[in-house]
N, C-alpha and C. Protein backbone atom coordinates (compact mmCIF):
# COMPACT_ATOMS: atom_id res chain seq x y z
N MET A 1 -0.39 -40.14 38.63
CA MET A 1 0.96 -40.23 38.64
C MET A 1 1.77 -39.51 39.70
N GLY A 2 0.88 -38.48 40.43
CA GLY A 2 1.08 -37.83 41.35
C GLY A 2 1.97 -36.83 40.94
N ALA A 3 2.41 -36.08 42.29
CA ALA A 3 3.12 -34.47 42.39
C ALA A 3 4.82 -35.10 41.60
N VAL A 4 5.19 -34.21 40.89
CA VAL A 4 6.38 -34.33 40.32
C VAL A 4 7.30 -33.20 41.02
N SER A 5 8.27 -33.22 41.62
CA SER A 5 9.32 -32.30 42.20
C SER A 5 10.73 -32.41 41.71
N GLY A 6 11.26 -31.34 42.21
CA GLY A 6 12.72 -31.15 41.80
C GLY A 6 12.73 -30.23 40.41
N ILE A 7 13.90 -30.66 39.63
CA ILE A 7 14.14 -29.76 38.94
C ILE A 7 13.26 -30.10 37.36
N TYR A 8 12.65 -31.00 37.47
CA TYR A 8 11.73 -31.67 36.43
C TYR A 8 10.34 -30.96 36.58
N ALA A 9 10.09 -30.29 37.42
CA ALA A 9 8.46 -29.99 37.80
C ALA A 9 7.86 -29.29 36.55
N ASP A 10 8.85 -27.89 36.70
CA ASP A 10 8.20 -26.92 35.50
C ASP A 10 8.18 -27.72 34.19
N LYS A 11 8.90 -28.59 34.03
CA LYS A 11 8.63 -29.16 32.61
C LYS A 11 7.46 -29.94 32.61
N TYR A 12 7.43 -30.76 33.68
CA TYR A 12 6.24 -31.46 33.58
C TYR A 12 4.76 -30.82 34.05
N GLN A 13 4.86 -29.61 34.58
CA GLN A 13 3.82 -28.86 34.26
C GLN A 13 3.64 -28.12 33.06
N GLN A 14 4.67 -28.00 32.12
CA GLN A 14 4.49 -27.46 30.96
C GLN A 14 3.81 -28.66 30.05
N LEU A 15 4.62 -29.76 30.15
CA LEU A 15 3.82 -31.08 29.73
C LEU A 15 2.54 -31.18 29.59
N LEU A 16 2.24 -31.17 30.80
CA LEU A 16 0.85 -31.22 31.40
C LEU A 16 -0.52 -29.69 30.95
N LYS A 17 0.01 -29.13 30.84
CA LYS A 17 -0.62 -27.62 29.67
C LYS A 17 -0.85 -27.89 28.15
N HIS A 18 0.41 -28.40 27.95
CA HIS A 18 0.38 -28.84 26.46
C HIS A 18 -0.38 -29.91 26.07
N LEU A 19 -0.58 -30.75 27.11
CA LEU A 19 -1.76 -32.07 26.68
C LEU A 19 -2.86 -31.92 26.86
N GLN A 20 -3.41 -30.49 27.74
CA GLN A 20 -4.44 -30.03 28.03
C GLN A 20 -5.06 -29.43 26.63
N GLN A 21 -3.95 -28.27 26.21
CA GLN A 21 -4.60 -27.89 25.02
C GLN A 21 -4.55 -28.59 23.83
N LEU A 22 -3.72 -29.51 23.57
CA LEU A 22 -3.82 -30.50 22.66
C LEU A 22 -5.12 -31.35 22.57
N ALA A 23 -5.55 -31.87 23.84
CA ALA A 23 -6.53 -32.63 24.38
C ALA A 23 -8.10 -31.57 23.71
N LEU A 24 -8.07 -30.30 24.29
CA LEU A 24 -9.33 -29.49 23.93
C LEU A 24 -9.11 -29.05 22.44
N SER A 25 -8.36 -28.91 21.78
CA SER A 25 -7.96 -28.32 20.39
C SER A 25 -8.65 -29.68 19.52
N GLN A 26 -7.99 -30.77 19.53
CA GLN A 26 -8.66 -31.88 18.88
C GLN A 26 -9.88 -33.00 19.43
N GLY A 27 -10.22 -32.53 20.40
CA GLY A 27 -11.79 -33.41 21.16
C GLY A 27 -11.16 -34.47 21.83
N GLY A 28 -10.15 -34.72 22.42
CA GLY A 28 -9.50 -35.62 23.31
C GLY A 28 -8.08 -36.35 22.75
N LEU A 29 -7.78 -36.92 23.36
CA LEU A 29 -6.04 -37.54 23.30
C LEU A 29 -5.79 -39.10 22.83
N THR A 30 -5.52 -39.76 22.36
CA THR A 30 -4.85 -41.37 21.90
C THR A 30 -3.77 -41.23 22.12
N VAL A 31 -2.94 -42.38 22.63
CA VAL A 31 -1.91 -42.56 23.18
C VAL A 31 -1.50 -43.96 22.65
N ALA A 32 -0.50 -44.32 21.76
CA ALA A 32 0.21 -45.46 21.41
C ALA A 32 0.60 -46.09 22.67
N TYR A 33 0.31 -46.95 22.79
CA TYR A 33 0.54 -47.58 24.28
C TYR A 33 1.21 -49.06 24.06
N SER A 34 2.40 -49.30 24.47
CA SER A 34 2.87 -50.63 24.31
C SER A 34 3.01 -51.11 25.95
N GLY A 35 3.04 -50.47 26.93
CA GLY A 35 3.49 -50.49 28.49
C GLY A 35 4.95 -50.39 28.60
N GLY A 36 5.41 -50.16 27.85
CA GLY A 36 6.97 -49.54 28.13
C GLY A 36 6.98 -48.48 28.85
N VAL A 37 7.76 -48.09 29.16
CA VAL A 37 8.45 -46.90 30.27
C VAL A 37 7.99 -45.61 29.14
N ASP A 38 8.25 -45.38 28.26
CA ASP A 38 8.04 -44.05 27.18
C ASP A 38 6.24 -43.81 27.42
N SER A 39 5.74 -45.09 26.99
CA SER A 39 4.39 -44.80 26.43
C SER A 39 3.38 -44.83 27.93
N ALA A 40 4.01 -45.48 28.80
CA ALA A 40 3.36 -45.79 30.42
C ALA A 40 3.44 -44.25 30.95
N PHE A 41 4.64 -43.37 30.69
CA PHE A 41 4.70 -42.26 31.43
C PHE A 41 3.68 -41.31 30.65
N LEU A 42 3.70 -41.55 29.44
CA LEU A 42 2.96 -40.54 28.39
C LEU A 42 1.21 -40.38 28.90
N LEU A 43 1.04 -41.87 29.02
CA LEU A 43 -0.37 -42.21 28.93
C LEU A 43 -0.36 -41.74 30.56
N ALA A 44 -0.08 -41.75 31.47
CA ALA A 44 -0.12 -41.15 32.80
C ALA A 44 0.12 -39.97 32.85
N ALA A 45 0.76 -38.77 32.23
CA ALA A 45 0.56 -37.72 32.40
C ALA A 45 -0.68 -37.29 31.51
N ALA A 46 -0.90 -37.93 30.19
CA ALA A 46 -2.16 -37.36 29.80
C ALA A 46 -3.43 -37.59 30.86
N ALA A 47 -3.40 -38.66 31.47
CA ALA A 47 -4.60 -38.83 32.34
C ALA A 47 -4.61 -37.77 33.87
N ASP A 48 -3.26 -37.69 34.01
CA ASP A 48 -2.96 -36.47 35.21
C ASP A 48 -3.53 -34.84 34.31
N ALA A 49 -3.23 -34.82 33.22
CA ALA A 49 -3.26 -33.44 32.29
C ALA A 49 -5.14 -33.12 32.59
N LEU A 50 -5.60 -34.57 31.67
CA LEU A 50 -7.20 -34.45 32.04
C LEU A 50 -7.80 -34.18 33.07
N SER A 51 -7.30 -35.05 34.14
CA SER A 51 -8.05 -35.34 35.36
C SER A 51 -8.13 -33.61 35.86
N MET A 52 -7.52 -32.78 35.35
CA MET A 52 -7.39 -31.12 36.13
C MET A 52 -8.34 -30.25 35.26
N LEU A 53 -8.92 -30.95 33.84
CA LEU A 53 -10.01 -29.90 33.51
C LEU A 53 -11.39 -30.48 33.78
N SER A 54 -12.28 -29.47 34.04
CA SER A 54 -13.86 -29.69 34.56
C SER A 54 -14.63 -30.89 33.39
N GLU A 55 -14.43 -30.31 32.15
CA GLU A 55 -14.93 -31.17 31.52
C GLU A 55 -13.74 -31.93 30.37
N ALA A 56 -13.49 -33.36 30.99
CA ALA A 56 -12.35 -33.48 30.29
C ALA A 56 -12.79 -34.22 28.75
N PRO A 57 -12.15 -33.99 27.51
CA PRO A 57 -12.23 -35.17 26.64
C PRO A 57 -11.61 -36.37 26.88
N PRO A 58 -12.43 -37.17 26.31
CA PRO A 58 -11.91 -38.79 25.90
C PRO A 58 -10.50 -38.80 25.91
N LEU A 59 -9.76 -40.04 26.43
CA LEU A 59 -8.39 -40.45 26.47
C LEU A 59 -8.31 -42.00 26.21
N CYS A 60 -7.70 -42.14 24.96
CA CYS A 60 -7.93 -43.66 24.72
C CYS A 60 -6.63 -43.85 24.53
N ALA A 61 -6.24 -45.62 25.18
CA ALA A 61 -4.70 -45.74 24.84
C ALA A 61 -5.19 -47.16 23.81
N LEU A 62 -4.35 -47.03 22.50
CA LEU A 62 -4.09 -48.07 21.47
C LEU A 62 -2.88 -48.79 21.76
N THR A 63 -3.30 -50.03 21.74
CA THR A 63 -1.99 -51.32 21.38
C THR A 63 -2.29 -52.05 20.51
N ALA A 64 -1.45 -52.14 19.37
CA ALA A 64 -1.56 -52.83 18.15
C ALA A 64 -1.15 -54.32 18.56
N ILE A 65 -1.75 -55.15 17.62
CA ILE A 65 -1.04 -56.29 17.87
C ILE A 65 -0.65 -56.97 16.89
N SER A 66 0.71 -57.68 16.73
CA SER A 66 1.37 -58.01 16.09
C SER A 66 2.25 -58.96 16.08
N PRO A 67 2.78 -59.69 14.96
CA PRO A 67 3.84 -61.00 15.48
C PRO A 67 5.05 -60.35 16.69
N SER A 68 5.52 -58.98 16.48
CA SER A 68 6.52 -58.77 17.06
C SER A 68 6.08 -58.15 18.77
N TYR A 69 4.93 -58.20 18.76
CA TYR A 69 4.22 -57.84 20.21
C TYR A 69 3.21 -59.08 20.90
N PRO A 70 4.18 -59.84 21.41
CA PRO A 70 3.51 -61.29 21.98
C PRO A 70 2.56 -61.23 22.81
N GLU A 71 1.46 -61.88 23.08
CA GLU A 71 0.19 -61.68 23.94
C GLU A 71 0.80 -61.34 25.25
N TRP A 72 1.84 -62.51 25.55
CA TRP A 72 2.17 -62.52 26.93
C TRP A 72 2.89 -60.95 27.86
N GLU A 73 3.36 -59.85 26.50
CA GLU A 73 3.44 -58.69 26.91
C GLU A 73 2.07 -57.72 27.04
N ARG A 74 0.86 -58.22 26.07
CA ARG A 74 -0.03 -57.11 26.13
C ARG A 74 -0.74 -57.60 27.52
N GLU A 75 -0.79 -58.62 27.99
CA GLU A 75 -2.02 -58.63 29.34
C GLU A 75 -1.28 -57.75 30.20
N PRO A 76 -0.16 -58.03 30.78
CA PRO A 76 0.64 -56.83 31.70
C PRO A 76 0.65 -55.36 31.21
N ALA A 77 0.69 -54.98 30.14
CA ALA A 77 0.18 -54.02 29.73
C ALA A 77 -1.13 -53.28 29.77
N ARG A 78 -1.82 -54.48 29.56
CA ARG A 78 -3.41 -53.80 29.80
C ARG A 78 -3.94 -53.47 31.33
N SER A 79 -3.11 -54.34 31.93
CA SER A 79 -3.51 -54.34 33.46
C SER A 79 -3.00 -52.91 34.15
N LEU A 80 -1.88 -52.68 33.36
CA LEU A 80 -0.94 -51.66 33.94
C LEU A 80 -1.82 -50.10 33.74
N ALA A 81 -2.40 -50.17 32.43
CA ALA A 81 -3.10 -49.26 31.70
C ALA A 81 -4.37 -49.14 32.52
N GLN A 82 -5.10 -49.98 33.01
CA GLN A 82 -6.32 -49.55 33.75
C GLN A 82 -6.09 -49.13 35.27
N THR A 83 -4.76 -49.20 36.03
CA THR A 83 -4.47 -48.81 37.23
C THR A 83 -4.58 -46.88 37.17
C-alpha cells in the first residue's frame, strides 16, 4: 500500500501494529474480501503489516459465493487481491 502520510500516518501505524499483534497471537490473519474499498484497504494493510515481520504468519483472503455477489464482480476482486 505504500507510505501513508499526513494526519492519518499515526493511525495507520497503530493499525499495522494491531494487525501484527493479532496475526502473531492467532497464527495468521483472514480477511473477508469482497473487492470493495473497505475490504481492499484492510487486506492491503494486513499485507503491509505482515510484510514487516521477519517470519510472517499466513494471510488469507476469503470471498463468499452467493446470489448477491455475481461472478462478474468476483473476477476483478480476485485480480485486485493478487496484485
